[in-house]
Protein backbone atom coordinates (compact mmCIF):
# COMPACT_ATOMS: atom_id res chain seq x y z
CA MET A 1 -39.51 35.41 1.07
CA THR A 2 -39.27 33.69 -2.06
CA THR A 3 -36.70 35.92 -3.49
CA VAL A 4 -34.64 35.42 -0.73
CA THR A 5 -34.75 31.51 -1.13
CA ALA A 6 -33.92 31.81 -4.77
CA VAL A 7 -30.81 33.86 -3.89
CA GLU A 8 -29.61 31.59 -1.20
CA ALA A 9 -29.96 28.67 -3.60
CA THR A 10 -28.20 30.25 -6.33
CA SER A 11 -25.29 31.15 -3.83
CA SER A 12 -25.15 27.69 -2.58
CA VAL A 13 -25.06 26.32 -6.08
CA GLY A 14 -22.33 28.96 -6.94
CA SER A 15 -20.52 27.92 -3.74
CA ARG A 16 -20.50 24.21 -4.62
CA ARG A 17 -19.16 24.93 -8.01
CA ILE A 18 -16.16 26.97 -6.69
CA ALA A 19 -15.41 24.29 -4.07
CA ALA A 20 -15.54 21.54 -6.88
CA ILE A 21 -12.63 23.60 -8.35
CA VAL A 22 -10.91 25.18 -5.39
CA VAL A 23 -10.69 22.00 -3.26
CA PRO A 24 -9.14 19.45 -5.81
CA LEU A 25 -6.46 22.23 -6.57
CA MET A 26 -5.80 22.72 -2.77
CA LEU A 27 -5.54 18.73 -2.26
CA LEU A 28 -3.26 18.81 -5.35
CA ALA A 29 -1.01 21.35 -3.94
CA VAL A 30 -1.07 19.46 -0.52
CA ALA A 31 -0.29 16.16 -2.12
CA LEU A 32 2.60 17.44 -3.95
CA ALA A 33 3.89 19.32 -0.96
CA ALA A 34 3.66 16.07 1.41
CA ARG A 35 5.44 13.99 -0.99
CA ALA A 36 8.14 16.60 -2.52
CA GLN A 37 10.88 15.51 -0.28
CA THR A 38 10.75 11.98 -1.51
CA PHE A 39 10.80 12.83 -5.26
CA GLY A 40 13.62 11.32 -7.12
CA ASN A 41 14.86 8.85 -4.25
CA PRO A 42 15.15 5.34 -5.80
CA VAL A 43 15.47 3.93 -2.17
CA ILE A 44 12.71 5.59 -0.61
CA GLY A 45 11.18 2.31 0.35
CA TYR A 46 12.10 -1.11 0.24
CA ASP A 47 9.08 -2.72 -0.89
CA GLU A 48 8.58 -0.21 -3.99
CA GLN A 49 12.28 -0.74 -5.27
CA PHE A 50 11.09 -4.42 -5.49
CA TYR A 51 7.85 -3.72 -7.35
CA LEU A 52 9.49 -1.34 -9.65
CA LEU A 53 12.23 -3.97 -10.45
CA VAL A 54 9.83 -6.44 -11.24
CA GLY A 55 7.60 -4.13 -13.25
CA ASP A 56 10.97 -3.30 -15.19
CA ARG A 57 12.07 -6.93 -15.89
CA MET A 58 8.34 -7.71 -16.88
CA LEU A 59 9.05 -5.55 -19.90
CA HIS A 60 11.97 -7.82 -20.47
CA GLY A 61 10.08 -11.04 -20.60
CA ALA A 62 10.19 -11.93 -16.96
CA ILE A 63 6.98 -13.47 -15.32
CA PRO A 64 5.89 -12.72 -11.72
CA PHE A 65 5.88 -15.93 -9.52
CA VAL A 66 7.80 -17.67 -12.14
CA ASP A 67 11.06 -15.93 -12.79
CA ILE A 68 10.80 -13.48 -9.75
CA PHE A 69 8.98 -14.88 -6.78
CA ASP A 70 6.68 -12.78 -4.35
CA ARG A 71 3.32 -13.06 -2.86
CA LYS A 72 1.61 -9.97 -3.96
CA PRO A 73 -0.88 -10.05 -6.44
CA VAL A 74 0.18 -9.83 -10.31
CA GLY A 75 -2.07 -6.67 -10.50
CA LEU A 76 0.41 -4.67 -8.35
CA PHE A 77 3.39 -5.54 -10.76
CA LEU A 78 0.97 -4.77 -13.79
CA ILE A 79 0.69 -1.17 -12.34
CA TYR A 80 4.56 -0.87 -12.06
CA GLY A 81 4.82 -2.50 -15.42
CA PHE A 82 2.54 0.04 -16.97
CA ILE A 83 4.66 2.84 -15.16
CA ARG A 84 7.85 1.50 -16.68
CA LEU A 85 6.12 2.19 -20.13
CA LEU A 86 6.11 5.79 -19.23
CA GLY A 87 9.77 5.99 -20.05
CA GLY A 88 12.63 7.53 -18.00
CA GLU A 89 14.55 5.81 -15.16
CA GLY A 90 11.40 4.88 -13.58
CA THR A 91 11.72 6.25 -9.96
CA ILE A 92 10.19 9.85 -10.42
CA GLN A 93 7.58 8.20 -12.89
CA TYR A 94 6.23 5.74 -9.97
CA GLN A 95 6.39 8.38 -7.42
CA LEU A 96 4.16 10.86 -9.40
CA VAL A 97 1.64 7.85 -10.55
CA ALA A 98 1.38 6.84 -6.89
CA GLY A 99 0.87 10.52 -5.89
CA GLY A 100 -1.91 10.65 -8.32
CA PHE A 101 -3.41 7.90 -6.87
CA ALA A 102 -3.40 9.41 -3.24
CA PHE A 103 -4.82 12.57 -4.50
CA ALA A 104 -7.49 11.05 -6.33
CA THR A 105 -8.14 9.04 -2.95
CA SER A 106 -8.22 12.46 -1.00
CA VAL A 107 -10.65 14.07 -3.26
CA LEU A 108 -13.15 11.14 -2.90
CA ILE A 109 -12.66 11.32 0.84
CA TRP A 110 -13.58 14.78 0.77
CA ARG A 111 -16.93 13.97 -1.50
CA PHE A 112 -17.71 11.08 0.77
CA ALA A 113 -17.29 12.96 4.18
CA GLU A 114 -19.01 16.00 2.91
CA ARG A 115 -22.08 13.51 3.08
CA LEU A 116 -21.65 12.94 6.68
CA THR A 117 -20.55 16.48 7.99
CA GLY A 118 -20.07 20.18 6.84
CA ARG A 119 -17.28 21.15 4.35
CA THR A 120 -14.69 22.01 6.87
CA GLY A 121 -14.66 18.43 8.46
CA ALA A 122 -14.68 17.01 4.82
CA ILE A 123 -11.39 18.85 3.64
CA ALA A 124 -9.91 18.42 6.96
CA ALA A 125 -10.16 14.69 6.63
CA ALA A 126 -9.10 14.67 2.94
CA ILE A 127 -5.87 16.47 3.88
CA GLY A 128 -5.25 14.53 6.80
CA TYR A 129 -5.14 11.38 4.62
CA LEU A 130 -2.30 13.04 2.57
CA ILE A 131 -0.38 14.07 5.33
CA TRP A 132 -0.99 10.69 7.54
CA LEU A 133 0.37 8.64 4.63
CA ASP A 134 3.62 10.02 5.27
CA PHE A 135 3.63 8.62 8.84
CA LEU A 136 2.60 5.22 7.80
CA GLU A 137 5.32 4.91 5.08
CA GLY A 138 2.79 5.70 2.67
CA GLU A 139 4.73 8.25 1.06
CA ALA A 140 5.79 6.53 -2.29
CA GLY A 141 4.12 3.36 -3.89
CA GLN A 142 3.17 1.22 -1.26
CA ALA A 143 0.25 -1.19 -2.40
CA PRO A 144 -2.56 0.28 -0.20
CA VAL A 145 -1.76 3.74 -1.85
CA PHE A 146 -3.17 2.16 -5.15
CA PHE A 147 -5.79 -0.27 -3.73
CA ASN A 148 -7.41 2.46 -1.29
CA LEU A 149 -8.75 4.30 -4.35
CA PRO A 150 -11.05 1.20 -5.59
CA VAL A 151 -12.02 0.24 -2.38
CA LEU A 152 -13.31 3.78 -1.59
CA LEU A 153 -15.01 4.06 -4.90
CA ALA A 154 -16.70 0.78 -4.20
CA ALA A 155 -17.56 1.90 -0.62
CA MET A 156 -19.34 5.14 -2.05
CA MET A 157 -21.32 3.29 -4.78
CA THR A 158 -22.63 0.75 -2.19
CA GLN A 159 -23.58 3.21 0.34
CA ARG A 160 -25.43 5.29 -2.09
CA LEU A 161 -27.31 2.27 -3.59
CA ILE A 162 -28.66 1.15 -0.21
CA GLU A 163 -29.36 4.71 0.86
CA GLN A 164 -31.53 5.15 -2.53
CA ARG A 165 -33.07 1.60 -2.28
CA ARG A 166 -31.51 0.70 -5.85
CA VAL A 167 -29.66 -2.66 -4.81
CA THR A 168 -30.10 -5.08 -7.83
CA ALA A 169 -28.05 -7.83 -9.07
CA ALA A 170 -26.98 -5.55 -11.88
CA SER A 171 -26.17 -2.52 -9.72
CA GLY A 172 -24.09 -4.43 -7.23
CA LEU A 173 -21.94 -5.68 -9.81
CA VAL A 174 -19.64 -2.57 -10.17
CA PRO A 175 -18.44 -2.00 -6.57
CA MET A 176 -17.93 -5.84 -6.42
CA LEU A 177 -15.72 -5.57 -9.54
CA LEU A 178 -14.12 -2.69 -8.05
CA ILE A 179 -13.11 -4.69 -4.89
CA GLY A 180 -11.85 -7.64 -7.24
CA LEU A 181 -9.42 -5.28 -8.82
CA ALA A 182 -8.23 -3.99 -5.26
CA MET A 183 -7.82 -7.56 -4.34
CA GLN A 184 -5.57 -8.10 -7.22
CA ILE A 185 -3.25 -5.26 -5.64
CA LYS A 186 -3.34 -6.66 -2.21
CA TYR A 187 -5.67 -9.63 -1.27
CA THR A 188 -6.44 -7.88 2.06
CA ALA A 189 -8.99 -5.80 0.60
CA LEU A 190 -11.01 -9.06 0.58
CA PHE A 191 -12.48 -8.33 4.22
CA GLU A 192 -13.80 -4.55 3.05
CA GLY A 193 -15.46 -6.44 0.31
CA LEU A 194 -16.91 -9.22 2.34
CA PHE A 195 -18.37 -6.32 4.40
CA LEU A 196 -19.73 -4.35 1.41
CA GLY A 197 -21.00 -7.84 0.05
CA CYS A 198 -22.98 -8.39 3.11
CA VAL A 199 -24.56 -4.67 3.22
CA LEU A 200 -25.65 -5.13 -0.30
CA LEU A 201 -27.19 -8.69 0.54
CA MET A 202 -28.91 -7.14 3.61
CA ALA A 203 -30.05 -4.16 1.53
CA ALA A 204 -31.52 -6.43 -1.23
CA TRP A 205 -33.39 -8.88 1.25
CA ARG A 206 -35.14 -5.75 3.08
CA GLU A 207 -36.11 -4.38 -0.54
CA ARG A 208 -37.47 -7.52 -1.80
CA ARG A 209 -37.44 -10.49 0.49
CA ASP A 210 -37.13 -12.83 -2.14
CA ALA A 211 -34.61 -15.69 -1.39
CA VAL A 212 -34.35 -17.01 -5.05
CA ARG A 213 -33.27 -13.75 -6.31
CA LEU A 214 -31.22 -12.88 -3.20
CA ALA A 215 -29.17 -16.06 -4.24
CA GLY A 216 -29.01 -15.11 -7.79
CA SER A 217 -27.46 -11.43 -6.69
CA ALA A 218 -25.09 -13.27 -4.40
CA LEU A 219 -23.59 -15.40 -6.90
CA CYS A 220 -23.25 -12.67 -9.34
CA TRP A 221 -21.73 -10.28 -6.95
CA ILE A 222 -19.18 -13.00 -5.72
CA ALA A 223 -18.29 -13.76 -9.33
CA ALA A 224 -17.54 -10.23 -9.93
CA ALA A 225 -15.26 -9.95 -7.06
CA LEU A 226 -13.35 -13.22 -8.07
CA ALA A 227 -13.02 -12.20 -11.67
CA PRO A 228 -10.05 -10.36 -11.73
CA THR A 229 -8.25 -13.19 -9.64
CA LEU A 230 -9.67 -15.89 -11.79
CA ALA A 231 -8.72 -14.11 -14.95
CA ALA A 232 -5.03 -13.88 -13.59
CA PHE A 233 -5.25 -17.47 -12.48
CA LEU A 234 -6.43 -18.62 -16.03
CA ALA A 235 -3.54 -16.63 -17.65
CA TYR A 236 -1.10 -18.15 -15.68
CA VAL A 237 -2.73 -21.88 -16.58
CA ALA A 238 -2.49 -20.78 -20.13
CA ILE A 239 1.26 -20.35 -20.40
CA GLY A 240 1.87 -23.65 -18.14
CA HIS A 241 2.53 -21.83 -14.79
CA GLY A 242 -0.72 -22.12 -12.78
CA GLN A 243 0.87 -24.14 -10.02
CA ASP A 244 3.45 -21.25 -9.52
CA PHE A 245 0.51 -18.85 -9.31
CA VAL A 246 -1.39 -20.79 -6.80
CA PHE A 247 1.61 -21.51 -4.71
CA ALA A 248 2.90 -17.82 -4.52
CA ASN A 249 -0.60 -16.36 -4.05
CA PHE A 250 -2.38 -18.74 -1.86
CA ILE A 251 -0.11 -21.22 -0.15
CA SER A 252 3.33 -19.92 0.55
CA MET A 253 2.09 -17.38 3.11
CA TRP A 254 1.14 -20.30 5.37
CA GLY A 255 4.46 -21.58 5.39
CA LYS A 256 6.02 -18.53 7.05
CA PHE A 257 7.05 -18.52 10.55
CA GLY A 258 5.27 -16.13 13.05
CA ASP A 259 7.22 -13.06 14.32
CA PRO A 260 7.89 -12.96 17.75
CA TRP A 261 4.89 -11.76 19.86
CA TRP A 262 6.73 -8.62 21.15
CA THR A 263 7.40 -7.32 17.53
CA SER A 264 3.99 -7.74 16.63
CA VAL A 265 2.67 -5.94 19.93
CA THR A 266 5.32 -3.42 19.50
CA GLY A 267 4.16 -2.64 15.68
CA LEU A 268 0.54 -2.68 16.68
CA LEU A 269 0.81 0.21 19.49
CA THR A 270 3.23 2.03 16.89
CA ILE A 271 0.17 2.27 14.54
CA VAL A 272 -2.07 3.06 17.44
CA ALA A 273 0.04 5.88 18.30
CA ILE A 274 0.41 7.35 15.18
CA LEU A 275 -3.25 6.99 14.68
CA PHE A 276 -4.25 8.27 18.11
CA PRO A 277 -5.31 11.83 17.15
CA ILE A 278 -7.76 10.61 14.33
CA ILE A 279 -8.93 7.80 16.69
CA GLY A 280 -9.99 10.31 19.43
CA CYS A 281 -11.85 12.22 16.75
CA VAL A 282 -13.73 9.00 16.03
CA VAL A 283 -14.39 8.29 19.50
CA PHE A 284 -15.73 11.68 20.53
CA ALA A 285 -17.56 12.37 17.25
CA PRO A 286 -20.74 14.54 17.81
CA SER A 287 -24.06 12.81 17.54
CA THR A 288 -27.07 13.45 15.17
CA GLN A 289 -30.52 13.46 15.35
CA ASP A 290 -30.80 13.26 11.60
CA PRO A 291 -31.51 9.68 10.65
CA ILE A 292 -29.94 9.92 7.04
CA LEU A 293 -26.81 11.28 8.57
CA ALA A 294 -26.91 8.90 11.33
CA GLY A 295 -27.21 5.89 8.74
CA ARG A 296 -24.09 7.32 6.69
CA ARG A 297 -22.03 7.45 9.89
CA ARG A 298 -22.93 3.99 11.03
CA PHE A 299 -22.01 2.60 7.69
CA VAL A 300 -18.52 4.07 7.69
CA ARG A 301 -18.05 2.78 11.19
CA HIS A 302 -18.88 -0.79 10.15
CA TRP A 303 -16.54 -0.13 7.18
CA LEU A 304 -13.89 0.72 9.33
CA ALA A 305 -14.43 -2.27 11.81
CA ALA A 306 -13.96 -4.39 8.66
CA ALA A 307 -10.78 -2.59 7.71
CA VAL A 308 -9.27 -3.15 11.07
CA VAL A 309 -10.16 -6.87 10.80
CA GLY A 310 -8.15 -6.94 7.44
CA MET A 311 -5.31 -5.39 9.21
CA LEU A 312 -5.41 -7.41 12.29
CA VAL A 313 -5.80 -10.80 10.24
CA MET A 314 -2.01 -10.25 9.02
CA ARG A 315 -1.10 -11.07 12.83
CA SER A 316 2.10 -9.29 12.36
CA PHE A 317 2.95 -5.36 11.85
CA PRO A 318 6.60 -4.91 11.31
CA SER A 319 5.89 -1.67 9.40
CA PRO A 320 2.96 1.05 9.81
CA HIS A 321 2.06 0.62 6.20
CA TYR A 322 -0.15 -2.24 7.29
CA ALA A 323 -2.48 0.31 8.79
CA MET A 324 -3.03 2.36 5.49
CA PRO A 325 -6.49 0.55 4.41
CA VAL A 326 -7.69 1.66 7.85
CA LEU A 327 -6.85 5.29 7.28
CA VAL A 328 -9.39 6.06 4.67
CA PRO A 329 -12.50 4.88 6.74
CA LEU A 330 -11.08 6.16 9.86
CA LEU A 331 -10.61 9.86 8.56
CA ILE A 332 -14.31 9.87 7.05
CA ALA A 333 -15.57 8.66 10.40
CA ALA A 334 -13.73 11.30 11.99
CA ALA A 335 -14.76 14.06 9.75
CA PRO A 336 -17.77 14.95 11.92
CA ARG A 337 -15.43 15.84 14.60
CA LEU A 338 -13.11 17.65 12.73
CA GLY A 339 -16.02 19.88 11.43
CA ALA A 340 -16.93 20.59 14.91
CA LEU A 341 -13.65 21.67 15.87
CA GLY A 342 -13.61 24.05 12.83
CA ARG A 343 -15.90 26.16 14.84
CA TRP A 344 -12.73 27.55 16.88
CA LYS A 345 -11.16 29.74 14.17
CA TRP A 346 -7.97 28.38 12.49
CA SER A 347 -7.98 25.33 15.01
CA VAL A 348 -8.08 22.68 12.39
CA ALA A 349 -5.70 24.77 9.94
CA ALA A 350 -3.15 24.77 12.95
CA ALA A 351 -3.52 21.50 13.86
CA LEU A 352 -2.90 20.20 10.18
CA LEU A 353 -0.20 22.56 9.69
CA LEU A 354 1.79 20.97 12.75
CA ALA A 355 0.76 17.48 11.29
CA TYR A 356 2.48 18.18 8.02
CA ALA A 357 5.49 19.72 9.73
CA ALA A 358 6.03 16.63 11.74
CA SER A 359 5.45 14.31 8.77
CA GLN A 360 8.01 15.95 6.96
CA LEU A 361 10.29 15.53 9.83
CA VAL A 362 9.68 11.84 9.63
CA LEU A 363 10.54 11.82 6.06
CA TYR A 364 13.66 13.55 6.64
CA THR A 365 14.74 11.20 9.62
CA LEU A 366 13.77 8.26 7.42
CA ARG A 367 15.97 9.43 4.28
CA LEU A 368 18.62 9.81 6.92
CA ASN A 369 18.37 6.37 8.06
CA LYS A 370 17.92 4.65 4.62
CA GLY A 371 19.60 6.96 2.51
CA GLY A 372 18.66 8.98 -0.46
CA ALA A 373 19.39 9.68 -4.02
CA PRO A 374 23.18 10.49 -3.55
CA GLU A 375 23.81 7.31 -1.58
CA ALA A 376 21.82 5.07 -3.96
CA ALA A 377 23.99 6.46 -6.78
CA ALA A 378 27.13 6.17 -4.91
CA MET A 379 26.04 2.34 -4.06
CA ALA A 380 25.33 1.57 -7.70
CA LEU A 381 28.64 2.79 -8.61
CA ALA A 382 30.40 0.83 -6.38
CA ALA A 383 28.22 -2.28 -6.98
CA ASP A 384 28.28 -2.31 -10.65
CA PRO A 385 29.16 -5.58 -11.77
CA GLY A 386 30.09 -4.74 -15.15
CA LYS A 387 29.06 -7.65 -17.68
CA GLY A 388 28.71 -10.03 -14.56
CA CYS A 389 25.98 -10.26 -11.80
CA LEU A 390 25.34 -8.49 -8.65
CA TYR A 391 23.84 -10.14 -5.45
CA VAL A 392 21.80 -8.27 -2.94
CA TYR A 393 21.79 -10.23 0.07
CA ASP A 394 20.66 -7.27 2.08
CA GLY A 395 20.09 -3.82 1.15
CA TYR A 396 18.71 -2.03 -1.86
CA THR A 397 16.91 -4.03 -4.22
CA ALA A 398 17.07 -0.74 -6.67
CA LEU A 399 20.75 -1.62 -7.20
CA TYR A 400 19.62 -4.53 -9.58
CA ARG A 401 17.84 -1.98 -11.98
CA LEU A 402 20.27 1.04 -11.25
CA THR A 403 23.10 -1.13 -12.55
CA ASN A 404 21.00 -3.05 -15.11
CA SER A 405 22.41 -6.35 -13.41
CA CYS A 406 21.27 -9.78 -14.15
CA LEU A 407 19.54 -11.81 -11.48
CA LEU A 408 21.00 -14.89 -10.18
CA SER A 409 17.83 -16.19 -8.54
CA ARG A 410 13.98 -16.09 -8.55
CA PHE A 411 14.45 -14.78 -4.87
CA VAL A 412 15.24 -11.27 -5.42
CA PHE A 413 13.75 -9.72 -2.49
CA PRO A 414 16.27 -10.10 0.03
CA GLY A 415 14.01 -10.63 2.99
CA HIS A 416 12.74 -14.03 1.51
CA LEU A 417 16.41 -15.32 1.90
CA ASN A 418 17.90 -13.25 4.83
CA MET A 419 14.70 -13.26 7.28
CA ALA A 420 14.03 -15.89 10.08
CA ASN A 421 10.47 -15.93 9.33
CA GLU A 422 11.03 -16.86 5.46
CA ALA A 423 13.28 -19.98 6.75
CA SER A 424 11.19 -22.80 5.44
CA VAL A 425 10.66 -24.82 2.14
CA SER A 426 6.85 -24.41 2.97
CA ALA A 427 7.46 -20.66 2.36
CA LEU A 428 9.61 -20.48 -0.61
CA GLY A 429 9.61 -23.86 -2.31
CA VAL A 430 13.22 -24.21 -1.73
CA ASP A 431 15.47 -24.27 1.05
CA PRO A 432 16.74 -20.94 1.85
CA SER A 433 20.51 -22.04 2.75
CA ALA A 434 20.46 -24.40 -0.50
CA GLU A 435 19.30 -21.42 -2.72
CA VAL A 436 21.99 -18.79 -1.10
CA THR A 437 24.57 -21.56 -1.76
CA ARG A 438 23.58 -21.77 -5.15
CA ILE A 439 23.68 -18.09 -5.76
CA MET A 440 27.08 -17.93 -4.34
CA ALA A 441 28.42 -20.83 -6.51
CA ARG A 442 27.68 -18.85 -9.52
CA HIS A 443 30.16 -16.36 -8.38
CA PRO A 444 28.36 -12.92 -8.30
CA VAL A 445 30.83 -9.89 -9.08
CA THR A 446 29.57 -7.96 -6.32
CA VAL A 447 27.63 -8.73 -3.24
CA VAL A 448 25.75 -5.95 -1.11
CA ARG A 449 24.89 -6.55 2.60
CA ASP A 450 23.99 -4.56 5.47
CA ASN A 451 26.05 -4.22 8.72
CA PRO A 452 25.11 -4.91 11.44
CA ALA A 453 22.65 -7.94 10.51
CA PHE A 454 19.31 -7.56 11.75
CA ASP A 455 18.35 -9.38 14.77
CA ARG A 456 15.51 -11.34 13.20
CA GLY A 457 17.61 -12.59 10.26
CA ASN A 458 18.07 -16.10 8.86
CA ARG A 459 21.33 -17.20 10.79
CA ALA A 460 22.06 -20.09 8.36
CA THR A 461 21.94 -18.14 5.12
CA LEU A 462 23.85 -15.22 6.97
CA ALA A 463 26.75 -17.55 8.13
CA ILE A 464 26.95 -18.86 4.24
CA ILE A 465 27.33 -15.40 3.21
CA ARG A 466 29.90 -14.40 5.72
CA ALA A 467 32.11 -17.70 4.91
CA GLU A 468 32.06 -16.96 1.36
CA LEU A 469 33.00 -13.38 1.57
CA ALA A 470 35.69 -14.09 3.76
CA ALA A 471 37.23 -16.65 1.32
CA HIS A 472 36.63 -15.00 -2.09
CA TYR A 473 35.69 -11.30 -1.71
CA VAL A 474 37.09 -8.15 -0.20
CA LEU A 475 35.43 -5.19 1.16
CA SER A 476 35.34 -2.38 -1.57
CA PHE A 477 32.99 0.26 -0.37
CA GLN A 478 30.82 1.04 2.51
CA LEU A 479 28.54 3.81 3.32
CA ARG A 480 26.85 4.99 6.51
CA THR A 481 22.97 5.55 6.78
CA GLY A 482 21.67 6.17 10.17
CA GLU A 483 23.27 3.29 12.42
CA ARG A 484 23.64 0.79 9.50
CA TYR A 485 26.79 0.51 6.78
CA ARG A 486 25.90 -0.26 3.35
CA GLN A 487 28.68 -2.75 2.21
CA VAL A 488 29.97 -3.93 -1.34
CA TYR A 489 32.12 -6.81 -1.46
CA ARG A 490 33.92 -7.51 -4.82
CA ARG A 491 35.20 -10.86 -5.92
CA THR A 492 38.71 -11.22 -5.67
CA HIS A 493 39.34 -14.68 -7.76
């Protein structure tokens, strides 16, 4: 009996060692396969085009929030700045780095989910993450692709601390610091951080019931979570731009107008439809009589609720990528049901293969509608301003980088000046119409816009652009992508 037990134990250890090598390799292959279609496309996503541009211009002295306006934390732009240090043109570099973050996150999902269920369900959850990112516009370098990793690490550490009853002021510092780093990529990580902080506080109280020590721990954890943001703020104060930092990061968002209610409802329904199969796995997850497993699953469900709150607080869902933070705890919570489905041979594998095929079709359709590397190259050639400046009123922000054009305004991201919900001095610090008038008064050599204009666009700035183009520019090039025309106007006099 002892011999059999020893053999089984040795076999189990050997199996774990093999899995520790094979599973990450398999996830790496899936990550590459899921994203291969996007590699080298400089216009895969409008946000990433802008982030890479900011990272590129930072290496030439530009300061986010001062020289280029946006509301994302400076940590995100620092990531893109470091990516530009890798050399090359920048596109494939940022896509590979983002793919590396997605891969690392999937590995941790596998490791975390294995603590809730068997290996099949855990691996399926990890693969599901890499596939469903494609459905949620996370196929490249959106902010959640980067901040999901530190949030997941923080959640894993927190869960282990409370389970092992090792919650102290010191032990809680690292997960809270990870949340702080995630917040410097996108501030919505705050809500998941609040959940993890509350869990640590409750665990610390159960272990010691010492109010004074608990208050001290809470202050330490809050300080750790706020430290990266405070460091960024102090850096801006040191260079004399603390006010710019505060306005861009904490004030300007309240000046935006809300999107129409039907836009939010449609966006939320789209997100639910995309996540519906995974939501079903969570709703119908098998029960367990094991108190340890039950506690772990309860922790993940509560974490999922916090991530959902973080998504809903945005109040607007123009893009599915707002659901990416929810995807991590959702898939981990779904792992037990995915494991149970694995009892039927190849059922989970077949479902994942079908999802992969669908995700690739989505990426192909997006490329047709947005354009790819050939379209970007053609637009860059047509829009090249030579020794002058380009102005992208609407369209590919990547053109500034691809043509090495100078920037005529702090407001480089087109949506800040061409969208109705930004048409406020409170949102930008300047009047959008006055800023567009000022830009056109500087006589950009080429102007890029999309046609037809978006139905939620800023009508006042669009009228200015149309009048200027009619008076001083000629349409020199246009390219159709999907139902839109990418147009380049060149100044005549």
